Amino acid sequence: MELADYRREYLQGGLRRNDLPNDPIVLFETWMQQAIAAGVPDPTAMVVGTVDEQGQPYQRIVLLKQVDEQGFVFYTNMGSRKASHLGHNPRISLLFPWHSLERQVHVTGQVEKLSATEVMKYFSSRPKDSQIGAWVSKQSSRISARGLLEAKFLEMKQKFANGEVPLPSFWGGFRVHVDSVEFWQGGANRLHDRFIYQREQAGWAISRLAP
């Protein structure tokens, strides 16, 4: 089959200006709850885009852990490639691809590091094996074999078997302060509905974009 021949119609519904609240976070939370209710796989999974010092963009899937009026929150190894990029250039993009609902949400903004208190609170809520996993991987570094990770995990699991797992000094998180949020709803005949919220001093400017 030729890839150029693969297509489908988007018929689940439209998005109209009258449907939009004044605050994009309100609409995002509604869409997120609808994605969860619809059984979308990994509804909190987002494509995170960063740029290195040479201007080369990178993307990867990260899980959203919190969203509110202050922004979007995720956690990571602070020695990872994404964290290194954000240390040089705090600008970031997020994309939520909810294919089964024929929806996308694209966020742009700038990050700030989370406080130690915020990081500890979340780390303490993770399952113990996930806490141990944070100690095992020097994220984005080259390794010779998976067996090294598995052996290190067993070693650390034994080390912390009888107590709490401490927060690694190299583990943390970011809050994305939002500059813009675009909502995309698939439409028939490729006439998709796109609305973008852009931050202004007094609130949000809302514009419809051509598909």
N, C-alpha and C. Protein backbone atom coordinates (compact mmCIF):
# COMPACT_ATOMS: atom_id res chain seq x y z
N MET A 1 0.84 -1.20 0.00
CA MET A 1 0.00 0.00 0.00
C MET A 1 0.87 1.25 0.00
N GLU A 2 0.55 2.20 -0.86
CA GLU A 2 1.25 3.47 -0.88
C GLU A 2 0.81 4.32 0.30
N LEU A 3 1.77 4.86 1.03
CA LEU A 3 1.42 5.68 2.18
C LEU A 3 0.57 6.88 1.79
N ALA A 4 0.82 7.40 0.58
CA ALA A 4 0.06 8.57 0.13
C ALA A 4 -1.42 8.26 -0.05
N ASP A 5 -1.76 6.97 -0.16
CA ASP A 5 -3.16 6.57 -0.35
C ASP A 5 -3.88 6.33 0.97
N TYR A 6 -3.13 6.39 2.08
CA TYR A 6 -3.76 6.09 3.38
C TYR A 6 -4.36 7.37 3.95
N ARG A 7 -5.66 7.36 4.13
CA ARG A 7 -6.34 8.53 4.69
C ARG A 7 -7.68 8.11 5.26
N ARG A 8 -8.26 8.94 6.08
CA ARG A 8 -9.60 8.72 6.59
C ARG A 8 -10.26 10.08 6.81
N GLU A 9 -11.57 10.05 6.91
CA GLU A 9 -12.30 11.29 7.17
C GLU A 9 -12.41 11.50 8.68
N TYR A 10 -12.46 12.76 9.07
CA TYR A 10 -12.64 13.13 10.47
C TYR A 10 -14.07 13.63 10.64
N LEU A 11 -14.88 12.84 11.34
CA LEU A 11 -16.32 13.11 11.35
C LEU A 11 -16.93 13.19 12.75
N GLN A 12 -16.10 13.25 13.78
CA GLN A 12 -16.64 13.17 15.14
C GLN A 12 -17.26 14.46 15.63
N GLY A 13 -16.97 15.57 14.97
CA GLY A 13 -17.59 16.80 15.43
C GLY A 13 -16.71 18.00 15.17
N GLY A 14 -17.26 19.18 15.40
CA GLY A 14 -16.52 20.40 15.15
C GLY A 14 -16.28 21.17 16.43
N LEU A 15 -15.61 22.30 16.27
CA LEU A 15 -15.33 23.20 17.38
C LEU A 15 -15.66 24.62 16.92
N ARG A 16 -16.52 25.29 17.65
CA ARG A 16 -16.98 26.61 17.25
C ARG A 16 -16.56 27.65 18.28
N ARG A 17 -16.49 28.89 17.85
CA ARG A 17 -16.04 29.97 18.73
C ARG A 17 -16.90 30.06 19.99
N ASN A 18 -18.19 29.83 19.85
CA ASN A 18 -19.09 29.89 21.00
C ASN A 18 -18.85 28.78 22.02
N ASP A 19 -18.10 27.73 21.58
CA ASP A 19 -17.80 26.63 22.49
C ASP A 19 -16.63 26.94 23.41
N LEU A 20 -15.91 28.03 23.16
CA LEU A 20 -14.64 28.26 23.82
C LEU A 20 -14.79 29.09 25.09
N PRO A 21 -14.26 28.61 26.21
CA PRO A 21 -14.20 29.45 27.42
C PRO A 21 -13.11 30.50 27.25
N ASN A 22 -13.09 31.48 28.13
CA ASN A 22 -12.08 32.53 28.03
C ASN A 22 -10.68 32.06 28.39
N ASP A 23 -10.59 31.00 29.17
CA ASP A 23 -9.30 30.48 29.66
C ASP A 23 -9.00 29.14 29.00
N PRO A 24 -7.84 28.99 28.34
CA PRO A 24 -7.54 27.72 27.66
C PRO A 24 -7.36 26.55 28.61
N ILE A 25 -6.96 26.82 29.86
CA ILE A 25 -6.78 25.72 30.81
C ILE A 25 -8.11 25.05 31.12
N VAL A 26 -9.18 25.83 31.13
CA VAL A 26 -10.52 25.28 31.36
C VAL A 26 -10.89 24.31 30.25
N LEU A 27 -10.65 24.70 29.00
CA LEU A 27 -10.95 23.82 27.87
C LEU A 27 -10.02 22.62 27.86
N PHE A 28 -8.73 22.83 28.17
CA PHE A 28 -7.80 21.70 28.21
C PHE A 28 -8.25 20.66 29.24
N GLU A 29 -8.63 21.11 30.43
CA GLU A 29 -9.06 20.17 31.45
C GLU A 29 -10.32 19.42 31.03
N THR A 30 -11.22 20.10 30.33
CA THR A 30 -12.42 19.43 29.81
C THR A 30 -12.04 18.36 28.81
N TRP A 31 -11.16 18.72 27.87
CA TRP A 31 -10.73 17.74 26.86
C TRP A 31 -9.97 16.58 27.50
N MET A 32 -9.16 16.86 28.50
CA MET A 32 -8.42 15.79 29.16
C MET A 32 -9.40 14.82 29.84
N GLN A 33 -10.39 15.34 30.54
CA GLN A 33 -11.37 14.47 31.19
C GLN A 33 -12.14 13.65 30.16
N GLN A 34 -12.45 14.25 29.02
CA GLN A 34 -13.14 13.52 27.96
C GLN A 34 -12.25 12.43 27.37
N ALA A 35 -10.96 12.70 27.25
CA ALA A 35 -10.03 11.70 26.75
C ALA A 35 -9.93 10.52 27.72
N ILE A 36 -9.88 10.82 29.01
CA ILE A 36 -9.84 9.76 30.02
C ILE A 36 -11.12 8.95 29.99
N ALA A 37 -12.28 9.62 29.93
CA ALA A 37 -13.57 8.94 29.92
C ALA A 37 -13.74 8.08 28.67
N ALA A 38 -13.15 8.50 27.56
CA ALA A 38 -13.26 7.77 26.30
C ALA A 38 -12.29 6.60 26.20
N GLY A 39 -11.42 6.47 27.20
CA GLY A 39 -10.46 5.36 27.19
C GLY A 39 -9.31 5.56 26.24
N VAL A 40 -8.96 6.82 25.95
CA VAL A 40 -7.79 7.08 25.10
C VAL A 40 -6.55 6.50 25.79
N PRO A 41 -5.74 5.68 25.10
CA PRO A 41 -4.54 5.14 25.73
C PRO A 41 -3.58 6.26 26.13
N ASP A 42 -3.08 6.19 27.34
CA ASP A 42 -2.11 7.17 27.84
C ASP A 42 -2.54 8.61 27.54
N PRO A 43 -3.67 9.04 28.05
CA PRO A 43 -4.15 10.39 27.73
C PRO A 43 -3.23 11.50 28.20
N THR A 44 -2.41 11.23 29.23
CA THR A 44 -1.50 12.26 29.72
C THR A 44 -0.17 12.29 28.97
N ALA A 45 0.00 11.40 27.99
CA ALA A 45 1.25 11.38 27.22
C ALA A 45 1.32 12.58 26.29
N MET A 46 2.45 13.26 26.31
CA MET A 46 2.62 14.45 25.47
C MET A 46 3.98 14.39 24.78
N VAL A 47 4.03 14.88 23.57
CA VAL A 47 5.28 15.00 22.84
C VAL A 47 5.94 16.30 23.29
N VAL A 48 7.14 16.19 23.85
CA VAL A 48 7.87 17.35 24.36
C VAL A 48 8.98 17.70 23.38
N GLY A 49 8.95 18.93 22.88
CA GLY A 49 9.94 19.40 21.93
C GLY A 49 10.90 20.38 22.56
N THR A 50 12.22 20.13 22.39
CA THR A 50 13.26 21.04 22.87
C THR A 50 14.26 21.25 21.74
N VAL A 51 15.19 22.20 21.94
CA VAL A 51 16.18 22.52 20.92
C VAL A 51 17.56 22.56 21.57
N ASP A 52 18.56 21.91 20.91
CA ASP A 52 19.90 21.92 21.49
C ASP A 52 20.65 23.21 21.13
N GLU A 53 21.90 23.30 21.55
CA GLU A 53 22.66 24.53 21.36
C GLU A 53 22.96 24.83 19.89
N GLN A 54 22.89 23.80 19.05
CA GLN A 54 23.12 23.99 17.62
C GLN A 54 21.83 24.28 16.84
N GLY A 55 20.71 24.35 17.56
CA GLY A 55 19.44 24.61 16.91
C GLY A 55 18.73 23.37 16.41
N GLN A 56 19.24 22.18 16.75
CA GLN A 56 18.62 20.92 16.34
C GLN A 56 17.45 20.59 17.26
N PRO A 57 16.22 20.47 16.72
CA PRO A 57 15.08 20.12 17.58
C PRO A 57 15.05 18.62 17.90
N TYR A 58 14.55 18.31 19.08
CA TYR A 58 14.37 16.93 19.52
C TYR A 58 12.97 16.80 20.11
N GLN A 59 12.40 15.59 20.00
CA GLN A 59 11.09 15.31 20.57
C GLN A 59 11.12 13.97 21.28
N ARG A 60 10.28 13.84 22.30
CA ARG A 60 10.14 12.57 23.00
C ARG A 60 8.80 12.60 23.75
N ILE A 61 8.32 11.41 24.16
CA ILE A 61 7.07 11.31 24.90
C ILE A 61 7.35 11.40 26.40
N VAL A 62 6.62 12.27 27.08
CA VAL A 62 6.73 12.45 28.53
C VAL A 62 5.30 12.49 29.07
N LEU A 63 5.12 12.08 30.32
CA LEU A 63 3.79 12.10 30.92
C LEU A 63 3.55 13.39 31.69
N LEU A 64 2.42 14.02 31.42
CA LEU A 64 1.99 15.20 32.18
C LEU A 64 1.57 14.76 33.57
N LYS A 65 2.03 15.47 34.59
CA LYS A 65 1.70 15.10 35.97
C LYS A 65 0.80 16.09 36.69
N GLN A 66 0.69 17.30 36.16
CA GLN A 66 -0.17 18.30 36.80
C GLN A 66 -0.42 19.42 35.81
N VAL A 67 -1.61 20.01 35.87
CA VAL A 67 -1.90 21.22 35.10
C VAL A 67 -2.83 22.10 35.92
N ASP A 68 -2.53 23.37 35.93
CA ASP A 68 -3.39 24.35 36.60
C ASP A 68 -3.08 25.72 36.02
N GLU A 69 -3.55 26.76 36.66
CA GLU A 69 -3.36 28.11 36.13
C GLU A 69 -1.89 28.51 36.05
N GLN A 70 -1.04 27.84 36.81
CA GLN A 70 0.39 28.16 36.78
C GLN A 70 1.11 27.50 35.61
N GLY A 71 0.54 26.43 35.05
CA GLY A 71 1.18 25.79 33.91
C GLY A 71 1.09 24.28 33.93
N PHE A 72 1.91 23.66 33.07
CA PHE A 72 1.95 22.20 32.88
C PHE A 72 3.22 21.66 33.54
N VAL A 73 3.10 20.57 34.29
CA VAL A 73 4.21 20.06 35.08
C VAL A 73 4.61 18.65 34.63
N PHE A 74 5.92 18.44 34.50
CA PHE A 74 6.44 17.09 34.27
C PHE A 74 7.75 16.92 35.03
N TYR A 75 8.16 15.66 35.21
CA TYR A 75 9.36 15.33 35.98
C TYR A 75 10.34 14.58 35.11
N THR A 76 11.64 14.67 35.47
CA THR A 76 12.67 14.04 34.66
C THR A 76 13.98 13.96 35.42
N ASN A 77 14.90 13.17 34.90
CA ASN A 77 16.28 13.18 35.35
C ASN A 77 16.91 14.49 34.88
N MET A 78 17.48 15.26 35.78
CA MET A 78 18.01 16.57 35.42
C MET A 78 19.33 16.49 34.66
N GLY A 79 19.85 15.28 34.49
CA GLY A 79 21.01 15.08 33.63
C GLY A 79 20.63 14.61 32.24
N SER A 80 19.33 14.53 31.95
CA SER A 80 18.85 14.03 30.66
C SER A 80 19.09 15.04 29.55
N ARG A 81 18.95 14.58 28.33
CA ARG A 81 19.13 15.46 27.18
C ARG A 81 18.13 16.60 27.19
N LYS A 82 16.86 16.29 27.50
CA LYS A 82 15.84 17.35 27.50
C LYS A 82 16.15 18.42 28.54
N ALA A 83 16.60 17.98 29.74
CA ALA A 83 16.93 18.93 30.79
C ALA A 83 18.13 19.78 30.40
N SER A 84 19.10 19.16 29.73
CA SER A 84 20.27 19.91 29.25
C SER A 84 19.84 20.97 28.25
N HIS A 85 18.97 20.59 27.31
CA HIS A 85 18.47 21.56 26.33
C HIS A 85 17.77 22.73 27.03
N LEU A 86 16.91 22.40 27.99
CA LEU A 86 16.13 23.44 28.66
C LEU A 86 17.00 24.33 29.53
N GLY A 87 18.15 23.82 29.95
CA GLY A 87 19.08 24.64 30.69
C GLY A 87 19.70 25.73 29.83
N HIS A 88 19.83 25.45 28.53
CA HIS A 88 20.38 26.44 27.60
C HIS A 88 19.29 27.29 26.96
N ASN A 89 18.14 26.67 26.74
CA ASN A 89 17.03 27.37 26.08
C ASN A 89 15.73 26.92 26.75
N PRO A 90 15.12 27.77 27.56
CA PRO A 90 13.95 27.36 28.33
C PRO A 90 12.67 27.25 27.51
N ARG A 91 12.72 27.57 26.23
CA ARG A 91 11.51 27.49 25.41
C ARG A 91 11.20 26.03 25.09
N ILE A 92 9.89 25.72 25.07
CA ILE A 92 9.46 24.32 24.95
C ILE A 92 8.13 24.26 24.22
N SER A 93 7.85 23.11 23.60
CA SER A 93 6.51 22.87 23.06
C SER A 93 6.02 21.52 23.54
N LEU A 94 4.71 21.42 23.72
CA LEU A 94 4.05 20.19 24.14
C LEU A 94 2.94 19.88 23.14
N LEU A 95 2.76 18.60 22.82
CA LEU A 95 1.68 18.21 21.92
C LEU A 95 0.97 16.99 22.48
N PHE A 96 -0.34 17.10 22.65
CA PHE A 96 -1.17 15.99 23.10
C PHE A 96 -1.92 15.43 21.89
N PRO A 97 -1.58 14.22 21.42
CA PRO A 97 -2.20 13.65 20.21
C PRO A 97 -3.31 12.66 20.56
N TRP A 98 -4.51 13.14 20.72
CA TRP A 98 -5.64 12.27 21.07
C TRP A 98 -6.33 11.82 19.78
N HIS A 99 -5.69 10.86 19.08
CA HIS A 99 -6.11 10.46 17.74
C HIS A 99 -7.55 9.95 17.70
N SER A 100 -7.91 9.11 18.67
CA SER A 100 -9.24 8.48 18.61
C SER A 100 -10.36 9.50 18.77
N LEU A 101 -10.08 10.65 19.34
CA LEU A 101 -11.06 11.73 19.46
C LEU A 101 -10.91 12.76 18.35
N GLU A 102 -9.94 12.51 17.45
CA GLU A 102 -9.66 13.44 16.35
C GLU A 102 -9.32 14.83 16.90
N ARG A 103 -8.47 14.83 17.93
CA ARG A 103 -8.09 16.07 18.59
C ARG A 103 -6.58 16.14 18.81
N GLN A 104 -6.07 17.36 18.80
CA GLN A 104 -4.72 17.64 19.22
C GLN A 104 -4.74 18.93 20.05
N VAL A 105 -3.81 19.01 21.00
CA VAL A 105 -3.59 20.27 21.71
C VAL A 105 -2.10 20.56 21.67
N HIS A 106 -1.74 21.76 21.23
CA HIS A 106 -0.35 22.17 21.12
C HIS A 106 -0.10 23.35 22.04
N VAL A 107 0.90 23.21 22.90
CA VAL A 107 1.23 24.23 23.90
C VAL A 107 2.64 24.75 23.65
N THR A 108 2.84 26.06 23.73
CA THR A 108 4.18 26.62 23.73
C THR A 108 4.37 27.43 24.99
N GLY A 109 5.62 27.53 25.44
CA GLY A 109 5.89 28.30 26.64
C GLY A 109 7.35 28.23 27.03
N GLN A 110 7.62 28.61 28.27
CA GLN A 110 8.96 28.57 28.82
C GLN A 110 8.91 27.88 30.18
N VAL A 111 9.99 27.18 30.50
CA VAL A 111 10.01 26.38 31.73
C VAL A 111 10.72 27.07 32.87
N GLU A 112 10.35 26.66 34.07
CA GLU A 112 11.13 26.97 35.27
C GLU A 112 11.25 25.66 36.05
N LYS A 113 12.34 25.51 36.79
CA LYS A 113 12.52 24.32 37.59
C LYS A 113 11.56 24.34 38.78
N LEU A 114 11.08 23.18 39.15
CA LEU A 114 10.23 23.06 40.32
C LEU A 114 11.06 23.16 41.60
N SER A 115 10.42 23.56 42.67
CA SER A 115 11.10 23.64 43.95
C SER A 115 11.38 22.24 44.48
N ALA A 116 12.34 22.15 45.39
CA ALA A 116 12.68 20.87 46.00
C ALA A 116 11.48 20.28 46.73
N THR A 117 10.65 21.13 47.33
CA THR A 117 9.47 20.67 48.05
C THR A 117 8.48 20.01 47.09
N GLU A 118 8.24 20.65 45.94
CA GLU A 118 7.32 20.09 44.94
C GLU A 118 7.84 18.76 44.43
N VAL A 119 9.14 18.68 44.15
CA VAL A 119 9.73 17.45 43.62
C VAL A 119 9.63 16.33 44.64
N MET A 120 9.96 16.63 45.89
CA MET A 120 9.90 15.60 46.94
C MET A 120 8.47 15.09 47.14
N LYS A 121 7.51 16.00 47.11
CA LYS A 121 6.12 15.59 47.29
C LYS A 121 5.69 14.60 46.21
N TYR A 122 6.06 14.88 44.95
CA TYR A 122 5.68 13.96 43.89
C TYR A 122 6.48 12.66 43.97
N PHE A 123 7.79 12.77 44.19
CA PHE A 123 8.63 11.57 44.23
C PHE A 123 8.13 10.61 45.31
N SER A 124 7.71 11.15 46.43
CA SER A 124 7.23 10.31 47.54
C SER A 124 5.94 9.58 47.19
N SER A 125 5.19 10.11 46.22
CA SER A 125 3.92 9.49 45.83
C SER A 125 4.10 8.37 44.82
N ARG A 126 5.30 8.23 44.25
CA ARG A 126 5.52 7.21 43.22
C ARG A 126 5.61 5.82 43.84
N PRO A 127 5.25 4.77 43.07
CA PRO A 127 5.49 3.40 43.55
C PRO A 127 6.98 3.20 43.84
N LYS A 128 7.29 2.34 44.79
CA LYS A 128 8.68 2.17 45.22
C LYS A 128 9.59 1.73 44.07
N ASP A 129 9.11 0.83 43.22
CA ASP A 129 9.95 0.39 42.10
C ASP A 129 10.25 1.54 41.14
N SER A 130 9.31 2.45 40.98
CA SER A 130 9.56 3.62 40.13
C SER A 130 10.58 4.55 40.78
N GLN A 131 10.51 4.66 42.10
CA GLN A 131 11.52 5.45 42.81
C GLN A 131 12.91 4.85 42.62
N ILE A 132 12.99 3.54 42.73
CA ILE A 132 14.28 2.86 42.53
C ILE A 132 14.76 3.04 41.10
N GLY A 133 13.83 2.96 40.15
CA GLY A 133 14.20 3.13 38.75
C GLY A 133 14.84 4.47 38.47
N ALA A 134 14.42 5.50 39.21
CA ALA A 134 15.01 6.83 39.04
C ALA A 134 16.49 6.83 39.41
N TRP A 135 16.88 5.98 40.36
CA TRP A 135 18.28 5.88 40.77
C TRP A 135 19.12 5.11 39.75
N VAL A 136 18.50 4.21 39.00
CA VAL A 136 19.23 3.26 38.17
C VAL A 136 19.79 3.88 36.90
N SER A 137 18.97 4.70 36.23
CA SER A 137 19.32 5.15 34.88
C SER A 137 19.96 6.53 34.88
N LYS A 138 21.14 6.61 34.27
CA LYS A 138 21.75 7.91 33.96
C LYS A 138 21.21 8.30 32.60
N GLN A 139 20.04 8.93 32.61
CA GLN A 139 19.23 9.09 31.42
C GLN A 139 19.98 9.75 30.26
N SER A 140 19.81 9.18 29.08
CA SER A 140 20.36 9.66 27.81
C SER A 140 21.84 9.31 27.61
N SER A 141 22.49 8.72 28.63
CA SER A 141 23.89 8.31 28.46
C SER A 141 23.94 6.99 27.70
N ARG A 142 25.06 6.71 27.07
CA ARG A 142 25.23 5.47 26.31
C ARG A 142 25.54 4.31 27.25
N ILE A 143 24.90 3.15 26.99
CA ILE A 143 25.17 1.95 27.77
C ILE A 143 25.40 0.79 26.81
N SER A 144 26.12 -0.23 27.27
CA SER A 144 26.49 -1.33 26.39
C SER A 144 25.44 -2.43 26.32
N ALA A 145 24.62 -2.57 27.37
CA ALA A 145 23.64 -3.67 27.39
C ALA A 145 22.55 -3.40 28.41
N ARG A 146 21.36 -3.93 28.12
CA ARG A 146 20.24 -3.78 29.06
C ARG A 146 20.53 -4.45 30.40
N GLY A 147 21.33 -5.53 30.34
CA GLY A 147 21.64 -6.26 31.55
C GLY A 147 22.25 -5.40 32.64
N LEU A 148 22.97 -4.36 32.24
CA LEU A 148 23.57 -3.45 33.22
C LEU A 148 22.48 -2.73 34.02
N LEU A 149 21.41 -2.31 33.32
CA LEU A 149 20.31 -1.65 34.00
C LEU A 149 19.61 -2.61 34.96
N GLU A 150 19.37 -3.84 34.48
CA GLU A 150 18.65 -4.81 35.30
C GLU A 150 19.45 -5.17 36.54
N ALA A 151 20.78 -5.31 36.38
CA ALA A 151 21.63 -5.65 37.53
C ALA A 151 21.65 -4.49 38.52
N LYS A 152 21.72 -3.27 38.02
CA LYS A 152 21.74 -2.10 38.89
C LYS A 152 20.42 -1.97 39.64
N PHE A 153 19.31 -2.28 38.94
CA PHE A 153 17.99 -2.20 39.59
C PHE A 153 17.91 -3.19 40.75
N LEU A 154 18.37 -4.41 40.54
CA LEU A 154 18.33 -5.41 41.61
C LEU A 154 19.22 -5.00 42.78
N GLU A 155 20.37 -4.40 42.45
CA GLU A 155 21.28 -3.94 43.50
C GLU A 155 20.63 -2.85 44.35
N MET A 156 20.00 -1.88 43.67
CA MET A 156 19.38 -0.78 44.39
C MET A 156 18.13 -1.23 45.14
N LYS A 157 17.42 -2.20 44.58
CA LYS A 157 16.22 -2.72 45.25
C LYS A 157 16.61 -3.38 46.56
N GLN A 158 17.72 -4.11 46.54
CA GLN A 158 18.20 -4.74 47.76
C GLN A 158 18.67 -3.67 48.76
N LYS A 159 19.33 -2.63 48.26
CA LYS A 159 19.86 -1.58 49.13
C LYS A 159 18.74 -0.86 49.89
N PHE A 160 17.62 -0.63 49.19
CA PHE A 160 16.52 0.11 49.80
C PHE A 160 15.38 -0.80 50.26
N ALA A 161 15.66 -2.07 50.42
CA ALA A 161 14.61 -3.05 50.73
C ALA A 161 13.89 -2.74 52.04
N ASN A 162 14.61 -2.26 53.02
CA ASN A 162 14.04 -2.11 54.36
C ASN A 162 13.79 -0.66 54.77
N GLY A 163 13.77 0.24 53.80
CA GLY A 163 13.54 1.64 54.16
C GLY A 163 13.00 2.43 52.99
N GLU A 164 12.83 3.72 53.22
CA GLU A 164 12.35 4.59 52.16
C GLU A 164 13.44 4.86 51.14
N VAL A 165 13.02 5.13 49.91
CA VAL A 165 13.96 5.46 48.85
C VAL A 165 14.17 6.97 48.87
N PRO A 166 15.40 7.43 49.06
CA PRO A 166 15.63 8.88 49.10
C PRO A 166 15.51 9.50 47.70
N LEU A 167 15.24 10.78 47.69
CA LEU A 167 15.16 11.52 46.43
C LEU A 167 16.55 11.69 45.85
N PRO A 168 16.78 11.24 44.60
CA PRO A 168 18.09 11.46 43.99
C PRO A 168 18.35 12.95 43.77
N SER A 169 19.58 13.37 43.98
CA SER A 169 19.93 14.78 43.81
C SER A 169 19.80 15.22 42.35
N PHE A 170 19.84 14.25 41.44
CA PHE A 170 19.82 14.56 40.00
C PHE A 170 18.42 14.44 39.39
N TRP A 171 17.40 14.33 40.22
CA TRP A 171 16.03 14.14 39.73
C TRP A 171 15.19 15.35 40.10
N GLY A 172 14.38 15.83 39.14
CA GLY A 172 13.58 17.02 39.41
C GLY A 172 12.45 17.17 38.43
N GLY A 173 12.02 18.40 38.23
CA GLY A 173 10.88 18.62 37.33
C GLY A 173 10.83 20.05 36.84
N PHE A 174 9.91 20.27 35.89
CA PHE A 174 9.74 21.57 35.27
C PHE A 174 8.26 21.96 35.25
N ARG A 175 8.03 23.25 35.35
CA ARG A 175 6.70 23.80 35.10
C ARG A 175 6.77 24.63 33.83
N VAL A 176 5.86 24.37 32.89
CA VAL A 176 5.79 25.13 31.65
C VAL A 176 4.83 26.28 31.82
N HIS A 177 5.35 27.49 31.80
CA HIS A 177 4.50 28.68 31.82
C HIS A 177 4.05 28.95 30.39
N VAL A 178 2.76 29.00 30.20
CA VAL A 178 2.18 28.94 28.85
C VAL A 178 2.19 30.29 28.15
N ASP A 179 2.65 30.27 26.90
CA ASP A 179 2.53 31.44 26.01
C ASP A 179 1.34 31.29 25.06
N SER A 180 1.11 30.06 24.57
CA SER A 180 -0.01 29.82 23.66
C SER A 180 -0.51 28.39 23.80
N VAL A 181 -1.79 28.21 23.50
CA VAL A 181 -2.40 26.88 23.46
C VAL A 181 -3.28 26.82 22.22
N GLU A 182 -3.03 25.82 21.36
CA GLU A 182 -3.85 25.64 20.16
C GLU A 182 -4.67 24.35 20.28
N PHE A 183 -5.95 24.46 20.03
CA PHE A 183 -6.86 23.31 20.05
C PHE A 183 -7.23 22.97 18.61
N TRP A 184 -7.07 21.69 18.24
CA TRP A 184 -7.33 21.21 16.89
C TRP A 184 -8.38 20.12 16.95
N GLN A 185 -9.46 20.30 16.21
CA GLN A 185 -10.52 19.29 16.13
C GLN A 185 -10.69 18.92 14.67
N GLY A 186 -10.57 17.62 14.37
CA GLY A 186 -10.69 17.17 12.99
C GLY A 186 -12.05 17.48 12.40
N GLY A 187 -12.08 17.78 11.10
CA GLY A 187 -13.32 18.11 10.41
C GLY A 187 -13.41 17.41 9.07
N ALA A 188 -14.63 17.28 8.55
CA ALA A 188 -14.85 16.63 7.26
C ALA A 188 -14.18 17.43 6.15
N ASN A 189 -13.75 16.69 5.12
CA ASN A 189 -13.14 17.29 3.93
C ASN A 189 -11.88 18.11 4.26
N ARG A 190 -11.21 17.71 5.35
CA ARG A 190 -9.97 18.37 5.79
C ARG A 190 -10.21 19.82 6.23
N LEU A 191 -11.44 20.17 6.52
CA LEU A 191 -11.75 21.51 7.02
C LEU A 191 -11.75 21.46 8.55
N HIS A 192 -10.56 21.22 9.09
CA HIS A 192 -10.41 21.08 10.53
C HIS A 192 -10.64 22.42 11.23
N ASP A 193 -11.05 22.34 12.50
CA ASP A 193 -11.21 23.54 13.32
C ASP A 193 -9.98 23.73 14.19
N ARG A 194 -9.39 24.92 14.13
CA ARG A 194 -8.21 25.26 14.92
C ARG A 194 -8.42 26.61 15.58
N PHE A 195 -8.24 26.64 16.89
CA PHE A 195 -8.28 27.90 17.63
C PHE A 195 -7.03 28.01 18.48
N ILE A 196 -6.43 29.18 18.48
CA ILE A 196 -5.23 29.41 19.28
C ILE A 196 -5.48 30.51 20.31
N TYR A 197 -5.10 30.21 21.55
CA TYR A 197 -5.11 31.19 22.64
C TYR A 197 -3.68 31.72 22.78
N GLN A 198 -3.51 33.02 22.76
CA GLN A 198 -2.21 33.64 22.96
C GLN A 198 -2.29 34.60 24.14
N ARG A 199 -1.29 34.47 25.01
CA ARG A 199 -1.32 35.24 26.25
C ARG A 199 -1.11 36.73 25.98
N GLU A 200 -1.94 37.54 26.61
CA GLU A 200 -1.79 38.98 26.61
C GLU A 200 -1.78 39.46 28.06
N GLN A 201 -1.41 40.71 28.28
CA GLN A 201 -1.33 41.22 29.64
C GLN A 201 -2.68 41.10 30.36
N ALA A 202 -3.75 41.37 29.64
CA ALA A 202 -5.08 41.38 30.25
C ALA A 202 -5.77 40.02 30.21
N GLY A 203 -5.14 39.01 29.65
CA GLY A 203 -5.79 37.70 29.56
C GLY A 203 -5.33 36.93 28.34
N TRP A 204 -6.30 36.48 27.53
CA TRP A 204 -6.00 35.66 26.36
C TRP A 204 -6.68 36.21 25.12
N ALA A 205 -5.92 36.26 24.02
CA ALA A 205 -6.50 36.58 22.71
C ALA A 205 -6.79 35.26 22.01
N ILE A 206 -7.99 35.13 21.44
CA ILE A 206 -8.39 33.88 20.77
C ILE A 206 -8.56 34.15 19.28
N SER A 207 -7.92 33.30 18.46
CA SER A 207 -8.02 33.45 17.01
C SER A 207 -8.32 32.10 16.37
N ARG A 208 -9.11 32.12 15.30
CA ARG A 208 -9.31 30.92 14.52
C ARG A 208 -8.20 30.84 13.46
N LEU A 209 -7.63 29.65 13.26
CA LEU A 209 -6.60 29.43 12.26
C LEU A 209 -7.14 28.58 11.13
N ALA A 210 -6.69 28.86 9.92
CA ALA A 210 -7.09 28.02 8.77
C ALA A 210 -6.49 26.63 8.95
N PRO A 211 -7.20 25.59 8.51
CA PRO A 211 -6.68 24.22 8.67
C PRO A 211 -5.49 23.95 7.76
